[in-house]
């Protein structure tokens, strides 16, 4: 049961990491390449959390 939880956590962490990285690319940069630091920072924190969950799940599964 524990391994199943961590396997699920690995999938959720990976999909969240990839999804929010794509969102970061589209939301943190404007049409002309300008960077929006507030949007970038907030999405970046979420990316870091999902990356942590992905790594934790891989280590424990």
PDB file of N, CA and C in Angstrom:
ATOM      1  N   UNK A   1       0.829  -1.196   0.000  1.00  0.00           N
ATOM      2  CA  UNK A   1       0.000   0.000   0.000  1.00  0.00           C
ATOM      3  C   UNK A   1       0.875   1.262   0.000  1.00  0.00           C
ATOM      4  N   UNK A   2       1.943   1.251   0.776  1.00  0.00           N
ATOM      5  CA  UNK A   2       2.833   2.414   0.837  1.00  0.00           C
ATOM      6  C   UNK A   2       3.484   2.641  -0.522  1.00  0.00           C
ATOM      7  N   UNK A   3       3.955   1.575  -1.167  1.00  0.00           N
ATOM      8  CA  UNK A   3       4.589   1.718  -2.467  1.00  0.00           C
ATOM      9  C   UNK A   3       3.614   2.268  -3.509  1.00  0.00           C
ATOM     10  N   UNK A   4       2.348   1.870  -3.419  1.00  0.00           N
ATOM     11  CA  UNK A   4       1.341   2.388  -4.351  1.00  0.00           C
ATOM     12  C   UNK A   4       1.136   3.884  -4.147  1.00  0.00           C
ATOM     13  N   UNK A   5       1.147   4.316  -2.912  1.00  0.00           N
ATOM     14  CA  UNK A   5       1.005   5.747  -2.633  1.00  0.00           C
ATOM     15  C   UNK A   5       2.159   6.541  -3.231  1.00  0.00           C
ATOM     16  N   UNK A   6       3.378   6.046  -3.022  1.00  0.00           N
ATOM     17  CA  UNK A   6       4.541   6.761  -3.544  1.00  0.00           C
ATOM     18  C   UNK A   6       4.622   6.680  -5.069  1.00  0.00           C
ATOM     19  N   UNK A   7       4.145   5.595  -5.637  1.00  0.00           N
ATOM     20  CA  UNK A   7       4.078   5.507  -7.093  1.00  0.00           C
ATOM     21  C   UNK A   7       3.092   6.542  -7.629  1.00  0.00           C
ATOM     22  N   UNK A   8       1.951   6.668  -6.966  1.00  0.00           N
ATOM     23  CA  UNK A   8       0.973   7.691  -7.357  1.00  0.00           C
ATOM     24  C   UNK A   8       1.555   9.094  -7.170  1.00  0.00           C
ATOM     25  N   UNK A   9       2.271   9.300  -6.083  1.00  0.00           N
ATOM     26  CA  UNK A   9       2.908  10.591  -5.825  1.00  0.00           C
ATOM     27  C   UNK A   9       3.935  10.916  -6.908  1.00  0.00           C
ATOM     28  N   UNK A  10       4.639   9.906  -7.386  1.00  0.00           N
ATOM     29  CA  UNK A  10       5.608  10.103  -8.460  1.00  0.00           C
ATOM     30  C   UNK A  10       4.922  10.579  -9.731  1.00  0.00           C
ATOM     31  N   UNK A  11       3.812   9.956 -10.076  1.00  0.00           N
ATOM     32  CA  UNK A  11       3.086  10.349 -11.292  1.00  0.00           C
ATOM     33  C   UNK A  11       2.520  11.757 -11.154  1.00  0.00           C
ATOM     34  N   UNK A  12       1.913  12.047 -10.025  1.00  0.00           N
ATOM     35  CA  UNK A  12       1.350  13.380  -9.805  1.00  0.00           C
ATOM     36  C   UNK A  12       2.449  14.436  -9.812  1.00  0.00           C
ATOM     37  N   UNK A  13       3.553  14.143  -9.156  1.00  0.00           N
ATOM     38  CA  UNK A  13       4.665  15.083  -9.123  1.00  0.00           C
ATOM     39  C   UNK A  13       5.232  15.346 -10.501  1.00  0.00           C
ATOM     40  N   UNK A  14       5.415  14.295 -11.301  1.00  0.00           N
ATOM     41  CA  UNK A  14       5.962  14.467 -12.642  1.00  0.00           C
ATOM     42  C   UNK A  14       5.017  15.254 -13.535  1.00  0.00           C
ATOM     43  N   UNK A  15       3.732  14.881 -13.531  1.00  0.00           N
ATOM     44  CA  UNK A  15       2.766  15.586 -14.386  1.00  0.00           C
ATOM     45  C   UNK A  15       2.606  17.045 -13.956  1.00  0.00           C
ATOM     46  N   UNK A  16       2.606  17.296 -12.656  1.00  0.00           N
ATOM     47  CA  UNK A  16       2.531  18.670 -12.174  1.00  0.00           C
ATOM     48  C   UNK A  16       3.761  19.473 -12.543  1.00  0.00           C
ATOM     49  N   UNK A  17       4.925  18.854 -12.439  1.00  0.00           N
ATOM     50  CA  UNK A  17       6.180  19.520 -12.791  1.00  0.00           C
ATOM     51  C   UNK A  17       6.200  19.889 -14.266  1.00  0.00           C
ATOM     52  N   UNK A  18       5.856  18.950 -15.126  1.00  0.00           N
ATOM     53  CA  UNK A  18       5.845  19.222 -16.569  1.00  0.00           C
ATOM     54  C   UNK A  18       4.763  20.238 -16.917  1.00  0.00           C
ATOM     55  N   UNK A  19       3.576  20.057 -16.366  1.00  0.00           N
ATOM     56  CA  UNK A  19       2.466  20.961 -16.666  1.00  0.00           C
ATOM     57  C   UNK A  19       2.739  22.396 -16.249  1.00  0.00           C
ATOM     58  N   UNK A  20       3.247  22.577 -15.050  1.00  0.00           N
ATOM     59  CA  UNK A  20       3.513  23.931 -14.587  1.00  0.00           C
ATOM     60  C   UNK A  20       4.742  24.538 -15.252  1.00  0.00           C
ATOM     61  N   UNK A  21       5.658  23.709 -15.729  1.00  0.00           N
ATOM     62  CA  UNK A  21       6.781  24.243 -16.496  1.00  0.00           C
ATOM     63  C   UNK A  21       6.296  24.801 -17.830  1.00  0.00           C
ATOM     64  N   UNK A  22       5.382  24.094 -18.465  1.00  0.00           N
ATOM     65  CA  UNK A  22       4.789  24.606 -19.706  1.00  0.00           C
ATOM     66  C   UNK A  22       4.006  25.875 -19.428  1.00  0.00           C
ATOM     67  N   UNK A  23       3.240  25.885 -18.337  1.00  0.00           N
ATOM     68  CA  UNK A  23       2.501  27.094 -17.957  1.00  0.00           C
ATOM     69  C   UNK A  23       3.451  28.252 -17.690  1.00  0.00           C
ATOM     70  N   UNK A  24       4.578  27.978 -17.045  1.00  0.00           N
ATOM     71  CA  UNK A  24       5.585  29.005 -16.782  1.00  0.00           C
ATOM     72  C   UNK A  24       6.076  29.625 -18.080  1.00  0.00           C
ATOM     73  N   UNK A  25       6.348  28.791 -19.067  1.00  0.00           N
ATOM     74  CA  UNK A  25       6.858  29.294 -20.345  1.00  0.00           C
ATOM     75  C   UNK A  25       5.853  30.240 -20.998  1.00  0.00           C
ATOM     76  N   UNK A  26       4.580  29.899 -20.941  1.00  0.00           N
ATOM     77  CA  UNK A  26       3.574  30.713 -21.606  1.00  0.00           C
ATOM     78  C   UNK A  26       3.123  31.931 -20.799  1.00  0.00           C
ATOM     79  N   UNK A  27       3.169  31.851 -19.475  1.00  0.00           N
ATOM     80  CA  UNK A  27       2.657  32.951 -18.648  1.00  0.00           C
ATOM     81  C   UNK A  27       3.741  33.914 -18.165  1.00  0.00           C
ATOM     82  N   UNK A  28       4.952  33.437 -17.963  1.00  0.00           N
ATOM     83  CA  UNK A  28       5.991  34.293 -17.396  1.00  0.00           C
ATOM     84  C   UNK A  28       6.702  35.126 -18.460  1.00  0.00           C
ATOM     85  N   UNK A  29       6.488  34.809 -19.726  1.00  0.00           N
ATOM     86  CA  UNK A  29       7.110  35.560 -20.805  1.00  0.00           C
ATOM     87  C   UNK A  29       6.033  36.144 -21.702  1.00  0.00           C
ATOM     88  N   UNK A  30       6.228  37.394 -22.102  1.00  0.00           N
ATOM     89  CA  UNK A  30       5.267  38.068 -22.965  1.00  0.00           C
ATOM     90  C   UNK A  30       5.521  37.773 -24.435  1.00  0.00           C
ATOM     91  N   UNK A  31       4.753  38.444 -25.267  1.00  0.00           N
ATOM     92  CA  UNK A  31       4.853  38.230 -26.706  1.00  0.00           C
ATOM     93  C   UNK A  31       6.200  38.652 -27.269  1.00  0.00           C
ATOM     94  N   UNK A  32       6.774  39.676 -26.706  1.00  0.00           N
ATOM     95  CA  UNK A  32       8.047  40.187 -27.222  1.00  0.00           C
ATOM     96  C   UNK A  32       9.245  39.706 -26.412  1.00  0.00           C
ATOM     97  N   UNK A  33       9.046  38.714 -25.588  1.00  0.00           N
ATOM     98  CA  UNK A  33      10.151  38.134 -24.830  1.00  0.00           C
ATOM     99  C   UNK A  33      10.397  38.769 -23.475  1.00  0.00           C
ATOM    100  N   UNK A  34       9.562  39.719 -23.058  1.00  0.00           N
ATOM    101  CA  UNK A  34       9.760  40.322 -21.740  1.00  0.00           C
ATOM    102  C   UNK A  34       9.349  39.325 -20.654  1.00  0.00           C
ATOM    103  N   UNK A  35      10.013  39.424 -19.523  1.00  0.00           N
ATOM    104  CA  UNK A  35       9.802  38.498 -18.415  1.00  0.00           C
ATOM    105  C   UNK A  35       8.968  39.179 -17.335  1.00  0.00           C
ATOM    106  N   UNK A  36       7.973  38.474 -16.813  1.00  0.00           N
ATOM    107  CA  UNK A  36       7.128  38.969 -15.723  1.00  0.00           C
ATOM    108  C   UNK A  36       7.561  38.275 -14.431  1.00  0.00           C
ATOM    109  N   UNK A  37       8.338  38.969 -13.584  1.00  0.00           N
ATOM    110  CA  UNK A  37       8.921  38.297 -12.415  1.00  0.00           C
ATOM    111  C   UNK A  37       7.910  37.816 -11.382  1.00  0.00           C
ATOM    112  N   UNK A  38       6.811  38.533 -11.164  1.00  0.00           N
ATOM    113  CA  UNK A  38       5.838  38.090 -10.154  1.00  0.00           C
ATOM    114  C   UNK A  38       5.152  36.797 -10.584  1.00  0.00           C
ATOM    115  N   UNK A  39       4.729  36.742 -11.835  1.00  0.00           N
ATOM    116  CA  UNK A  39       4.121  35.508 -12.332  1.00  0.00           C
ATOM    117  C   UNK A  39       5.152  34.377 -12.338  1.00  0.00           C
ATOM    118  N   UNK A  40       6.360  34.701 -12.766  1.00  0.00           N
ATOM    119  CA  UNK A  40       7.413  33.693 -12.829  1.00  0.00           C
ATOM    120  C   UNK A  40       7.755  33.123 -11.466  1.00  0.00           C
ATOM    121  N   UNK A  41       7.809  33.983 -10.470  1.00  0.00           N
ATOM    122  CA  UNK A  41       8.164  33.528  -9.122  1.00  0.00           C
ATOM    123  C   UNK A  41       7.066  32.647  -8.527  1.00  0.00           C
ATOM    124  N   UNK A  42       5.820  33.042  -8.695  1.00  0.00           N
ATOM    125  CA  UNK A  42       4.735  32.256  -8.108  1.00  0.00           C
ATOM    126  C   UNK A  42       4.617  30.890  -8.784  1.00  0.00           C
ATOM    127  N   UNK A  43       4.723  30.850 -10.086  1.00  0.00           N
ATOM    128  CA  UNK A  43       4.663  29.568 -10.783  1.00  0.00           C
ATOM    129  C   UNK A  43       5.929  28.763 -10.493  1.00  0.00           C
ATOM    130  N   UNK A  44       7.051  29.428 -10.341  1.00  0.00           N
ATOM    131  CA  UNK A  44       8.302  28.748 -10.037  1.00  0.00           C
ATOM    132  C   UNK A  44       8.267  28.016  -8.707  1.00  0.00           C
ATOM    133  N   UNK A  45       7.595  28.583  -7.729  1.00  0.00           N
ATOM    134  CA  UNK A  45       7.457  27.912  -6.428  1.00  0.00           C
ATOM    135  C   UNK A  45       6.654  26.626  -6.586  1.00  0.00           C
ATOM    136  N   UNK A  46       5.588  26.691  -7.361  1.00  0.00           N
ATOM    137  CA  UNK A  46       4.759  25.499  -7.588  1.00  0.00           C
ATOM    138  C   UNK A  46       5.562  24.434  -8.341  1.00  0.00           C
ATOM    139  N   UNK A  47       6.369  24.864  -9.306  1.00  0.00           N
ATOM    140  CA  UNK A  47       7.233  23.931 -10.031  1.00  0.00           C
ATOM    141  C   UNK A  47       8.178  23.229  -9.061  1.00  0.00           C
ATOM    142  N   UNK A  48       8.768  23.975  -8.154  1.00  0.00           N
ATOM    143  CA  UNK A  48       9.697  23.396  -7.187  1.00  0.00           C
ATOM    144  C   UNK A  48       9.001  22.384  -6.276  1.00  0.00           C
ATOM    145  N   UNK A  49       7.770  22.660  -5.868  1.00  0.00           N
ATOM    146  CA  UNK A  49       7.020  21.739  -5.006  1.00  0.00           C
ATOM    147  C   UNK A  49       6.734  20.436  -5.746  1.00  0.00           C
ATOM    148  N   UNK A  50       6.259  20.531  -6.994  1.00  0.00           N
ATOM    149  CA  UNK A  50       5.980  19.319  -7.759  1.00  0.00           C
ATOM    150  C   UNK A  50       7.258  18.547  -8.067  1.00  0.00           C
ATOM    151  N   UNK A  51       8.351  19.247  -8.306  1.00  0.00           N
ATOM    152  CA  UNK A  51       9.628  18.571  -8.547  1.00  0.00           C
ATOM    153  C   UNK A  51      10.060  17.801  -7.292  1.00  0.00           C
ATOM    154  N   UNK A  52       9.896  18.426  -6.133  1.00  0.00           N
ATOM    155  CA  UNK A  52      10.207  17.760  -4.871  1.00  0.00           C
ATOM    156  C   UNK A  52       9.350  16.511  -4.683  1.00  0.00           C
ATOM    157  N   UNK A  53       8.056  16.620  -4.979  1.00  0.00           N
ATOM    158  CA  UNK A  53       7.164  15.458  -4.844  1.00  0.00           C
ATOM    159  C   UNK A  53       7.578  14.341  -5.791  1.00  0.00           C
ATOM    160  N   UNK A  54       7.973  14.699  -6.997  1.00  0.00           N
ATOM    161  CA  UNK A  54       8.403  13.705  -7.973  1.00  0.00           C
ATOM    162  C   UNK A  54       9.647  12.959  -7.470  1.00  0.00           C
ATOM    163  N   UNK A  55      10.635  13.710  -7.008  1.00  0.00           N
ATOM    164  CA  UNK A  55      11.860  13.096  -6.512  1.00  0.00           C
ATOM    165  C   UNK A  55      11.587  12.248  -5.271  1.00  0.00           C
ATOM    166  N   UNK A  56      10.780  12.749  -4.348  1.00  0.00           N
ATOM    167  CA  UNK A  56      10.433  11.992  -3.153  1.00  0.00           C
ATOM    168  C   UNK A  56       9.743  10.685  -3.505  1.00  0.00           C
ATOM    169  N   UNK A  57       8.800  10.761  -4.441  1.00  0.00           N
ATOM    170  CA  UNK A  57       8.108   9.549  -4.867  1.00  0.00           C
ATOM    171  C   UNK A  57       9.039   8.535  -5.495  1.00  0.00           C
ATOM    172  N   UNK A  58       9.997   9.013  -6.299  1.00  0.00           N
ATOM    173  CA  UNK A  58      10.948   8.087  -6.925  1.00  0.00           C
ATOM    174  C   UNK A  58      11.860   7.446  -5.894  1.00  0.00           C
ATOM    175  N   UNK A  59      12.235   8.176  -4.873  1.00  0.00           N
ATOM    176  CA  UNK A  59      13.118   7.609  -3.857  1.00  0.00           C
ATOM    177  C   UNK A  59      12.408   6.591  -2.971  1.00  0.00           C
ATOM    178  N   UNK A  60      11.125   6.787  -2.716  1.00  0.00           N
ATOM    179  CA  UNK A  60      10.408   5.929  -1.781  1.00  0.00           C
ATOM    180  C   UNK A  60       9.630   4.791  -2.440  1.00  0.00           C
ATOM    181  N   UNK A  61       9.335   4.896  -3.732  1.00  0.00           N
ATOM    182  CA  UNK A  61       8.496   3.890  -4.392  1.00  0.00           C
ATOM    183  C   UNK A  61       9.211   2.556  -4.552  1.00  0.00           C
TER     184      UNK A  61
END
